[in-house]
Protein backbone atom coordinates (compact mmCIF):
# COMPACT_ATOMS: atom_id res chain seq x y z
CA MET A 1 9.40 25.86 4.07
CA THR A 2 11.90 25.27 6.87
CA ASN A 3 13.85 22.06 7.39
CA ARG A 4 11.29 19.29 7.70
CA ALA A 5 11.10 15.55 7.32
CA ILE A 6 7.72 14.21 6.21
CA LEU A 7 6.92 10.50 6.42
CA ILE A 8 4.65 9.22 3.65
CA GLU A 9 3.65 5.68 4.52
CA TYR A 10 2.64 3.25 1.80
CA THR A 11 -0.72 2.79 3.55
CA GLY A 12 -1.90 5.98 1.84
CA LEU A 13 -2.40 8.08 4.95
CA GLU A 14 -1.58 11.78 4.79
CA GLY A 15 2.13 12.46 5.31
CA ARG A 16 3.14 13.41 8.83
CA ASP A 17 5.96 15.64 10.01
CA LEU A 18 8.52 13.62 11.97
CA GLY A 19 9.61 16.74 13.84
CA TYR A 20 13.30 15.91 13.33
CA LEU A 21 15.75 15.01 10.57
CA PRO A 22 16.29 11.27 10.91
CA THR A 23 19.74 9.76 11.29
CA LEU A 24 20.81 7.11 8.79
CA GLN A 25 19.86 4.37 11.24
CA GLN A 26 16.44 5.92 11.89
CA ALA A 27 15.83 6.34 8.14
CA GLN A 28 16.79 2.69 7.55
CA GLU A 29 14.28 1.59 10.18
CA ILE A 30 11.54 3.74 8.64
CA VAL A 31 12.08 2.60 5.03
CA GLY A 32 12.88 -0.97 6.05
CA GLY A 33 16.37 -1.37 4.61
CA TYR A 34 19.20 0.38 2.83
CA VAL A 35 18.42 4.03 2.14
CA GLU A 36 18.63 5.59 -1.29
CA SER A 37 18.42 9.36 -1.67
CA ILE A 38 16.68 10.59 -4.80
CA GLU A 39 15.76 14.05 -6.03
CA GLY A 40 12.11 14.81 -6.57
CA LYS A 41 9.67 17.66 -6.90
CA ASP A 42 6.73 18.35 -4.63
CA GLU A 43 4.06 19.05 -7.22
CA LYS A 44 1.67 20.72 -4.75
CA ARG A 45 4.23 23.22 -3.45
CA ASP A 46 6.39 23.43 -6.61
CA LYS A 47 9.51 22.75 -4.51
CA LEU A 48 12.50 20.47 -4.98
CA VAL A 49 12.77 17.82 -2.30
CA THR A 50 15.09 14.96 -1.34
CA LEU A 51 13.28 11.64 -0.98
CA LEU A 52 14.65 8.78 1.10
CA VAL A 53 13.45 5.39 -0.12
CA ASN A 54 14.36 1.73 0.32
CA GLU A 55 17.17 1.09 -2.16
CA GLU A 56 15.98 -2.48 -2.80
CA GLY A 57 12.27 -1.77 -2.50
CA ARG A 58 11.37 -3.10 -5.95
CA LEU A 59 13.51 -6.23 -5.52
CA GLU A 60 11.78 -6.86 -2.20
CA SER A 61 8.36 -6.27 -3.80
CA LEU A 62 7.44 -3.55 -1.33
CA PRO A 63 3.90 -2.21 -1.72
CA LEU A 64 3.25 0.68 -4.07
CA ASN A 65 3.18 4.07 -2.34
CA ILE A 66 0.42 5.74 -4.33
CA ARG A 67 0.34 8.96 -2.32
CA ALA A 68 4.09 9.56 -2.67
CA SER A 69 4.01 8.62 -6.37
CA VAL A 70 1.26 11.17 -7.04
CA ASP A 71 2.57 13.99 -4.80
CA TYR A 72 6.22 13.82 -5.91
CA SER A 73 7.61 13.62 -9.42
CA VAL A 74 10.85 11.66 -9.81
CA LYS A 75 12.94 10.33 -12.69
CA SER A 76 11.28 7.43 -14.48
CA LYS A 77 13.68 4.80 -13.11
CA HIS A 78 12.35 5.53 -9.60
CA PHE A 79 8.67 5.70 -10.58
CA PRO A 80 6.43 4.53 -9.07
CA LEU A 81 7.66 4.90 -5.50
CA VAL A 82 7.32 1.87 -3.22
CA GLY A 83 7.34 1.35 0.55
CA ASN A 84 7.62 4.13 3.09
CA VAL A 85 9.12 7.39 1.81
CA ILE A 86 10.69 10.25 3.76
CA ALA A 87 10.54 13.66 2.09
CA LEU A 88 13.23 16.06 3.27
CA TYR A 89 12.57 19.77 2.80
CA GLY A 90 15.41 22.23 3.28
CA TRP A 91 17.99 19.44 3.23
CA LYS A 92 20.28 21.18 0.70
CA GLU A 93 20.14 24.43 2.65
CA LEU A 94 21.07 22.54 5.83
CA LYS A 95 24.02 20.86 4.08
CA GLN A 96 25.26 24.19 2.71
CA GLU A 97 25.07 25.79 6.17
CA GLU A 98 27.04 22.92 7.69
CA THR A 99 29.84 23.26 5.11
CA LYS A 100 30.28 27.04 5.45
CA VAL A 101 33.51 28.05 7.19
């Protein structure tokens, strides 16, 4: 899978490709606050993925994101996922390419 950013809204709709890698400001607008990056696994595709979530989502009592919680496995302290979630595929590969000299 190439570099992609998939938005999984808490409303339960199927994730949609944003078509771009969001900037920090764009990600903050999408998740509704400070962004926390967590590692997860896409269970359908058996791929590691970086998930961007609202860092204070639980404190703010954001709604449960059932689709993201089912589709992506994360460490127990992040489960279940709440609010809007952005799944970044190929993010590590992009970072490695940027740091090559």
